[in-house]
């Protein structure tokens, strides 16, 4: 597969991954393949796999430049939006009757993003951004050290990080990953998934030539066995909890989930339209804003319920106090598609507007009259 098609495949894979995140937060199982591949058994690690795939060893030649680039791309917009959502949470508490979100403080602005990411609630899905930044910096530092020691083997790195990740899972099962320990716990649990992406690129991609039929028979067969033999495959990456099947199975489901959707993305890549690729390029915006997009849908429903005779069963107590409350018109599961559409479309529209304003500002700054 040529490099352009590879980029298309991974762009589509990113789009599918963010759709799973948005659908998962809305409780919509549309992409679980009939429940066979639960989102929470692999979808967050899938983002780490993609990030690891695109890591370039050339970055190790200019580590400070890499740090600055990643801080600018990941942390700077995160902290800007974190302040915005802190102000939104304050306004909704002060004037809207909502109870969600912490007060704005140094801790909630700069420390909590690395400790839990749930400080202002309306952007809680973006907890992943600081974690990704930390993992990318850990990866860089680890590889620089291993290079000095002449131990920078992809197999060794993957094995070592997997052993550490499995140790974290075992500690979590024993009840030892709690409180402040959840912060390093989630990082060390997800760290091997980043290495899987680099390992796949360096060692496996050239050999990934098995035909689609036997490939899917193997992957789906493995997943069926897991589903039948395990006590539920889902777990929480953010809280590092819910591991019901020992320390190995979570990474097996990461591999099977990634393998399934990676091949799907490769098959669909030649048919992929620009809209999905645009989504794949702007997963950051969707990750940051889709919970607020859900809230806007719920606010519209609340307005209808409050001022008309419709939606009489709308629960205002839950609406004001529980971010995970999703009202379904007439109890219809199909209404979750409205949340999914809003959670994707509204952040993309916002991002397009920001990009357009930035381009206009750049044009004005470069014009002779300026």
Protein backbone atom coordinates (compact mmCIF):
# COMPACT_ATOMS: atom_id res chain seq x y z
CA UNK A 1 0.00 0.00 0.00
CA UNK A 2 1.46 3.39 -1.01
CA UNK A 3 2.04 6.14 1.54
CA UNK A 4 -0.89 8.25 0.35
CA UNK A 5 -3.34 5.35 0.73
CA UNK A 6 -1.82 4.56 4.12
CA UNK A 7 -2.54 8.12 5.24
CA UNK A 8 -6.09 7.81 3.91
CA UNK A 9 -6.52 4.51 5.77
CA UNK A 10 -5.31 5.99 9.04
CA UNK A 11 -7.34 9.15 8.48
CA UNK A 12 -10.42 6.99 8.11
CA UNK A 13 -9.38 4.94 11.15
CA UNK A 14 -9.14 8.17 13.17
CA UNK A 15 -12.61 9.17 11.97
CA UNK A 16 -14.03 5.81 12.99
CA UNK A 17 -12.30 6.04 16.38
CA UNK A 18 -13.80 9.44 17.19
CA UNK A 19 -17.24 8.27 16.04
CA UNK A 20 -16.91 5.44 18.56
CA UNK A 21 -15.97 7.87 21.32
CA UNK A 22 -18.95 10.13 20.60
CA UNK A 23 -21.35 7.20 20.21
CA UNK A 24 -19.98 5.61 23.38
CA UNK A 25 -20.66 8.72 25.44
CA UNK A 26 -24.21 8.77 24.08
CA UNK A 27 -24.68 5.08 24.87
CA UNK A 28 -25.22 4.32 21.19
CA UNK A 29 -23.95 0.88 20.12
CA UNK A 30 -24.16 1.53 16.40
CA UNK A 31 -20.48 0.64 15.75
CA UNK A 32 -20.02 -2.28 18.15
CA UNK A 33 -20.77 -4.90 15.46
CA UNK A 34 -23.75 -6.20 17.37
CA UNK A 35 -21.96 -5.83 20.70
CA UNK A 36 -19.05 -8.03 19.59
CA UNK A 37 -16.50 -5.20 19.80
CA UNK A 38 -17.52 -3.00 22.77
CA UNK A 39 -16.13 0.52 22.39
CA UNK A 40 -14.67 0.53 25.88
CA UNK A 41 -12.56 -2.55 25.18
CA UNK A 42 -10.29 -0.75 22.70
CA UNK A 43 -11.41 2.69 21.40
CA UNK A 44 -9.21 4.90 23.59
CA UNK A 45 -6.16 2.66 23.03
CA UNK A 46 -6.93 2.90 19.30
CA UNK A 47 -6.03 6.61 19.41
CA UNK A 48 -2.73 5.73 21.08
CA UNK A 49 -2.07 3.11 18.41
CA UNK A 50 -2.61 5.70 15.68
CA UNK A 51 -0.38 8.25 17.43
CA UNK A 52 2.33 5.64 17.92
CA UNK A 53 2.17 4.67 14.27
CA UNK A 54 2.98 8.23 13.20
CA UNK A 55 5.85 8.72 15.63
CA UNK A 56 9.07 9.31 13.66
CA UNK A 57 12.47 8.31 15.01
CA UNK A 58 13.85 11.52 13.47
CA UNK A 59 12.20 13.40 16.36
CA UNK A 60 14.91 12.04 18.66
CA UNK A 61 17.47 14.20 16.88
CA UNK A 62 15.70 17.39 18.04
CA UNK A 63 13.93 16.52 21.30
CA UNK A 64 13.32 20.13 22.41
CA UNK A 65 11.76 21.00 19.05
CA UNK A 66 9.53 17.91 19.37
CA UNK A 67 8.48 18.95 22.88
CA UNK A 68 7.61 22.47 21.72
CA UNK A 69 5.69 21.16 18.71
CA UNK A 70 3.61 18.78 20.79
CA UNK A 71 2.98 21.36 23.52
CA UNK A 72 1.79 23.85 20.92
CA UNK A 73 -0.40 21.31 19.14
CA UNK A 74 -1.84 19.51 22.17
CA UNK A 75 -1.53 21.54 25.38
CA UNK A 76 -1.91 25.15 24.24
CA UNK A 77 -5.39 24.73 22.69
CA UNK A 78 -6.37 22.44 25.58
CA UNK A 79 -5.60 25.09 28.21
CA UNK A 80 -7.35 27.80 26.19
CA UNK A 81 -10.51 25.71 25.89
CA UNK A 82 -10.20 24.61 29.50
CA UNK A 83 -10.48 28.26 30.56
CA UNK A 84 -13.44 28.75 28.20
CA UNK A 85 -15.24 25.76 29.67
CA UNK A 86 -14.40 26.92 33.17
CA UNK A 87 -16.18 30.19 32.40
CA UNK A 88 -19.11 28.33 30.83
CA UNK A 89 -19.42 26.08 33.88
CA UNK A 90 -19.30 29.14 36.18
CA UNK A 91 -21.98 30.94 34.15
CA UNK A 92 -24.27 27.91 34.08
CA UNK A 93 -23.92 27.48 37.85
CA UNK A 94 -24.35 31.18 38.61
CA UNK A 95 -27.21 31.97 36.23
CA UNK A 96 -28.58 28.69 34.86
CA UNK A 97 -29.25 26.58 37.91
CA UNK A 98 -26.75 23.87 36.97
CA UNK A 99 -24.58 22.20 39.61
CA UNK A 100 -21.81 20.74 37.45
CA UNK A 101 -18.18 21.79 37.25
CA UNK A 102 -15.59 23.02 39.75
CA UNK A 103 -14.80 26.68 40.47
CA UNK A 104 -12.03 28.24 38.41
CA UNK A 105 -8.71 28.04 40.25
CA UNK A 106 -5.07 27.35 39.54
CA UNK A 107 -5.71 23.69 40.34
CA UNK A 108 -8.72 23.30 38.05
CA UNK A 109 -7.03 25.22 35.24
CA UNK A 110 -3.56 23.66 35.29
CA UNK A 111 -3.34 20.65 37.63
CA UNK A 112 -6.65 18.81 37.28
CA UNK A 113 -6.21 18.35 33.51
CA UNK A 114 -3.30 16.02 34.34
CA UNK A 115 -4.94 14.51 37.44
CA UNK A 116 -8.39 13.60 36.08
CA UNK A 117 -9.58 15.94 33.31
CA UNK A 118 -13.13 16.17 34.67
CA UNK A 119 -12.74 19.57 36.33
CA UNK A 120 -15.34 21.48 34.30
CA UNK A 121 -17.39 18.47 33.12
CA UNK A 122 -18.52 19.97 29.79
CA UNK A 123 -15.15 19.13 28.24
CA UNK A 124 -14.40 15.98 30.21
CA UNK A 125 -13.83 13.86 27.10
CA UNK A 126 -10.65 15.87 26.47
CA UNK A 127 -8.96 14.20 29.48
CA UNK A 128 -7.18 12.19 26.82
CA UNK A 129 -5.17 15.18 25.51
CA UNK A 130 -2.83 15.71 28.50
CA UNK A 131 -2.44 11.94 28.80
CA UNK A 132 -1.38 11.71 25.16
CA UNK A 133 1.12 14.54 25.66
CA UNK A 134 2.67 12.84 28.70
CA UNK A 135 2.88 9.50 26.89
CA UNK A 136 4.56 11.08 23.86
CA UNK A 137 7.12 12.77 26.09
CA UNK A 138 7.71 9.53 28.01
CA UNK A 139 8.19 7.71 24.74
CA UNK A 140 10.74 10.26 23.55
CA UNK A 141 12.74 10.21 26.79
CA UNK A 142 12.66 6.43 27.01
CA UNK A 143 13.92 6.02 23.46
CA UNK A 144 16.71 8.56 23.98
CA UNK A 145 17.90 6.65 27.05
CA UNK A 146 17.60 3.25 25.37
CA UNK A 147 19.51 4.52 22.35
CA UNK A 148 22.39 5.56 24.63
CA UNK A 149 22.33 2.07 26.13
CA UNK A 150 22.01 0.41 22.69
CA UNK A 151 18.76 -1.23 23.81
CA UNK A 152 16.32 0.57 21.51
CA UNK A 153 14.71 -2.61 20.18
CA UNK A 154 11.02 -2.36 19.24
CA UNK A 155 10.37 -5.85 20.59
CA UNK A 156 12.05 -5.02 23.89
CA UNK A 157 10.16 -1.72 24.23
CA UNK A 158 6.80 -3.34 23.50
CA UNK A 159 7.44 -6.24 25.88
CA UNK A 160 8.62 -3.97 28.71
CA UNK A 161 5.71 -1.56 28.40
CA UNK A 162 3.22 -4.44 28.19
CA UNK A 163 4.60 -5.97 31.37
CA UNK A 164 4.27 -2.64 33.16
CA UNK A 165 0.74 -2.15 31.79
CA UNK A 166 -0.33 -5.63 32.89
CA UNK A 167 1.12 -4.97 36.34
CA UNK A 168 -1.07 -1.85 36.55
CA UNK A 169 -4.14 -3.88 35.58
CA UNK A 170 -3.34 -6.48 38.24
CA UNK A 171 -2.89 -3.75 40.84
CA UNK A 172 -6.20 -2.22 39.78
CA UNK A 173 -7.96 -5.56 40.17
CA UNK A 174 -6.50 -5.79 43.67
CA UNK A 175 -7.89 -2.36 44.54
CA UNK A 176 -4.53 -0.60 44.67
CA UNK A 177 -5.08 1.94 41.86
CA UNK A 178 -7.16 4.60 43.56
CA UNK A 179 -7.07 8.34 44.27
CA UNK A 180 -3.89 9.95 42.98
CA UNK A 181 -2.65 6.58 41.76
CA UNK A 182 -5.18 6.70 38.91
CA UNK A 183 -3.13 9.38 37.17
CA UNK A 184 0.01 7.26 36.63
CA UNK A 185 -2.22 4.21 36.34
CA UNK A 186 -4.03 5.38 33.22
CA UNK A 187 -0.79 6.58 31.64
CA UNK A 188 1.09 3.33 32.23
CA UNK A 189 -1.90 1.25 31.14
CA UNK A 190 -2.22 3.12 27.84
CA UNK A 191 1.52 3.45 27.20
CA UNK A 192 1.88 0.00 25.52
CA UNK A 193 -0.87 0.91 23.05
CA UNK A 194 1.30 3.75 21.73
CA UNK A 195 4.17 1.28 21.33
CA UNK A 196 1.86 -1.12 19.48
CA UNK A 197 1.44 1.51 16.78
CA UNK A 198 5.20 1.90 16.31
CA UNK A 199 5.72 -1.87 16.47
CA UNK A 200 3.07 -2.44 13.82
CA UNK A 201 4.67 0.13 11.53
CA UNK A 202 8.21 -1.18 11.94
CA UNK A 203 7.67 -4.93 12.23
CA UNK A 204 4.21 -6.02 11.10
CA UNK A 205 2.80 -3.71 8.45
CA UNK A 206 4.86 -5.16 5.60
CA UNK A 207 3.61 -8.62 6.56
CA UNK A 208 -0.04 -7.59 6.89
CA UNK A 209 -1.00 -9.25 3.62
CA UNK A 210 -3.47 -11.96 4.65
CA UNK A 211 -6.62 -12.00 2.55
CA UNK A 212 -9.71 -10.31 3.95
CA UNK A 213 -11.77 -13.49 4.42
CA UNK A 214 -9.25 -15.48 6.51
CA UNK A 215 -8.23 -12.27 8.29
CA UNK A 216 -11.77 -11.54 9.48
CA UNK A 217 -12.43 -15.20 10.30
CA UNK A 218 -9.45 -15.13 12.67
CA UNK A 219 -10.16 -11.72 14.26
CA UNK A 220 -13.90 -12.26 14.66
CA UNK A 221 -13.30 -15.83 15.83
CA UNK A 222 -10.98 -14.59 18.56
CA UNK A 223 -13.51 -11.96 19.59
CA UNK A 224 -16.36 -14.47 19.74
CA UNK A 225 -14.29 -16.72 22.00
CA UNK A 226 -13.44 -13.76 24.23
CA UNK A 227 -17.08 -12.71 24.43
CA UNK A 228 -18.18 -16.22 25.40
CA UNK A 229 -15.41 -16.94 27.89
CA UNK A 230 -14.90 -13.59 29.62
CA UNK A 231 -16.90 -11.63 32.16
CA UNK A 232 -17.50 -8.64 29.91
CA UNK A 233 -14.80 -7.02 27.81
CA UNK A 234 -15.34 -3.33 28.60
CA UNK A 235 -13.21 -1.38 31.08
CA UNK A 236 -12.48 2.25 31.93
CA UNK A 237 -9.22 3.65 30.58
CA UNK A 238 -9.70 7.02 32.26
CA UNK A 239 -10.30 5.62 35.76
CA UNK A 240 -8.24 2.46 35.24
CA UNK A 241 -11.05 0.25 36.56
CA UNK A 242 -13.44 -2.47 35.42
CA UNK A 243 -10.86 -5.11 34.53
CA UNK A 244 -12.87 -8.29 34.99
CA UNK A 245 -10.64 -10.80 33.20
CA UNK A 246 -7.13 -10.47 34.52
CA UNK A 247 -4.19 -8.44 33.17
CA UNK A 248 -3.83 -10.04 29.71
CA UNK A 249 -7.32 -9.89 28.20
CA UNK A 250 -7.54 -6.05 28.07
CA UNK A 251 -4.55 -5.97 25.73
CA UNK A 252 -5.92 -8.88 23.70
CA UNK A 253 -9.12 -6.90 23.10
CA UNK A 254 -7.03 -3.87 22.16
CA UNK A 255 -5.24 -5.96 19.53
CA UNK A 256 -8.44 -7.57 18.22
CA UNK A 257 -10.36 -4.28 18.11
CA UNK A 258 -7.54 -2.42 16.41
CA UNK A 259 -6.99 -5.30 13.97
CA UNK A 260 -10.66 -5.41 12.99
CA UNK A 261 -11.11 -1.68 12.38
CA UNK A 262 -7.68 -1.23 10.79
CA UNK A 263 -8.57 -3.74 8.10
CA UNK A 264 -12.03 -2.17 7.68
CA UNK A 265 -10.32 1.21 7.18
CA UNK A 266 -7.95 -0.24 4.60
CA UNK A 267 -10.84 -1.79 2.67
CA UNK A 268 -12.87 1.43 2.71
CA UNK A 269 -9.94 3.78 2.04
CA UNK A 270 -10.33 3.78 -1.77
CA UNK A 271 -14.00 4.73 -1.31
CA UNK A 272 -13.45 7.29 1.44
CA UNK A 273 -14.90 10.75 0.86
CA UNK A 274 -13.49 14.09 1.94
CA UNK A 275 -16.04 14.48 4.76
CA UNK A 276 -14.73 11.47 6.66
CA UNK A 277 -11.14 12.52 6.09
CA UNK A 278 -11.97 15.99 7.40
CA UNK A 279 -13.39 14.33 10.50
CA UNK A 280 -10.23 12.24 10.79
CA UNK A 281 -8.09 15.39 10.65
CA UNK A 282 -10.17 17.16 13.30
CA UNK A 283 -10.68 14.55 15.98
CA UNK A 284 -9.20 17.00 18.52
CA UNK A 285 -12.12 19.41 18.05
CA UNK A 286 -14.70 16.65 18.32
CA UNK A 287 -13.01 15.20 21.40
CA UNK A 288 -12.98 18.63 23.04
CA UNK A 289 -16.51 19.79 22.24
CA UNK A 290 -18.91 16.89 21.71
CA UNK A 291 -20.10 16.77 25.32
CA UNK A 292 -21.08 20.43 25.08
CA UNK A 293 -22.80 19.66 21.78
CA UNK A 294 -24.83 17.03 23.62
CA UNK A 295 -25.71 19.67 26.21
CA UNK A 296 -26.99 22.01 23.52
CA UNK A 297 -29.31 19.28 22.26
CA UNK A 298 -30.54 18.70 25.81
CA UNK A 299 -31.05 22.43 26.32
CA UNK A 300 -33.27 22.56 23.26
CA UNK A 301 -35.26 19.59 24.55
CA UNK A 302 -35.50 21.22 27.99
CA UNK A 303 -36.83 24.41 26.38
CA UNK A 304 -39.46 22.43 24.49
CA UNK A 305 -40.44 20.56 27.66
CA UNK A 306 -40.65 23.75 29.74
CA UNK A 307 -42.64 25.87 27.30
CA UNK A 308 -44.88 23.41 25.48
CA UNK A 309 -47.02 20.45 26.36
CA UNK A 310 -44.55 18.05 24.79
CA UNK A 311 -41.81 15.92 26.40
CA UNK A 312 -43.60 15.78 29.74
CA UNK A 313 -41.28 13.05 31.01
CA UNK A 314 -38.16 15.20 30.63
CA UNK A 315 -36.26 14.96 33.95
CA UNK A 316 -35.11 18.47 34.87
CA UNK A 317 -33.38 17.34 38.06
CA UNK A 318 -31.14 15.00 36.09
CA UNK A 319 -30.66 17.61 33.39
CA UNK A 320 -29.30 20.18 35.84
CA UNK A 321 -27.16 17.78 37.86
CA UNK A 322 -26.03 14.84 35.69
CA UNK A 323 -23.95 15.25 32.55
CA UNK A 324 -24.72 11.64 31.61
CA UNK A 325 -28.48 12.23 31.38
CA UNK A 326 -29.68 11.75 27.81
CA UNK A 327 -33.33 12.29 27.10
CA UNK A 328 -34.72 10.13 24.30
CA UNK A 329 -37.88 11.40 22.65
CA UNK A 330 -40.57 8.74 23.16
CA UNK A 331 -37.83 6.55 24.63
CA UNK A 332 -36.56 5.79 21.14
CA UNK A 333 -33.01 4.46 20.83
CA UNK A 334 -32.99 5.91 17.31
CA UNK A 335 -32.97 9.40 18.85
CA UNK A 336 -29.38 8.75 19.91
CA UNK A 337 -28.50 9.42 16.29
CA UNK A 338 -29.43 13.06 16.95
CA UNK A 339 -26.85 13.20 19.74
CA UNK A 340 -24.26 11.48 17.56
CA UNK A 341 -24.87 13.85 14.65
CA UNK A 342 -24.72 16.93 16.88
CA UNK A 343 -21.64 15.65 18.71
CA UNK A 344 -19.78 15.39 15.43
CA UNK A 345 -21.24 18.18 13.29
CA UNK A 346 -21.24 21.07 15.80
CA UNK A 347 -17.56 20.73 16.79
CA UNK A 348 -16.59 20.45 13.12
CA UNK A 349 -18.57 23.59 12.29
CA UNK A 350 -16.87 25.39 15.17
CA UNK A 351 -13.46 24.23 13.97
CA UNK A 352 -14.21 25.30 10.41
CA UNK A 353 -15.22 28.74 11.66
CA UNK A 354 -12.03 29.08 13.72
CA UNK A 355 -9.91 27.94 10.77
CA UNK A 356 -11.67 30.39 8.46
CA UNK A 357 -11.14 33.32 10.83
CA UNK A 358 -7.48 32.36 11.26
CA UNK A 359 -6.99 32.23 7.48
CA UNK A 360 -8.70 35.60 7.06
CA UNK A 361 -6.49 37.15 9.74
CA UNK A 362 -3.39 35.76 8.03
CA UNK A 363 -4.49 37.18 4.67
CA UNK A 364 -5.03 40.61 6.18
CA UNK A 365 -1.66 40.55 7.92
CA UNK A 366 0.07 39.76 4.62
CA UNK A 367 -1.83 42.28 2.49
CA UNK A 368 0.10 45.40 1.34
CA UNK A 369 -2.42 47.69 3.00
CA UNK A 370 -1.88 46.20 6.45
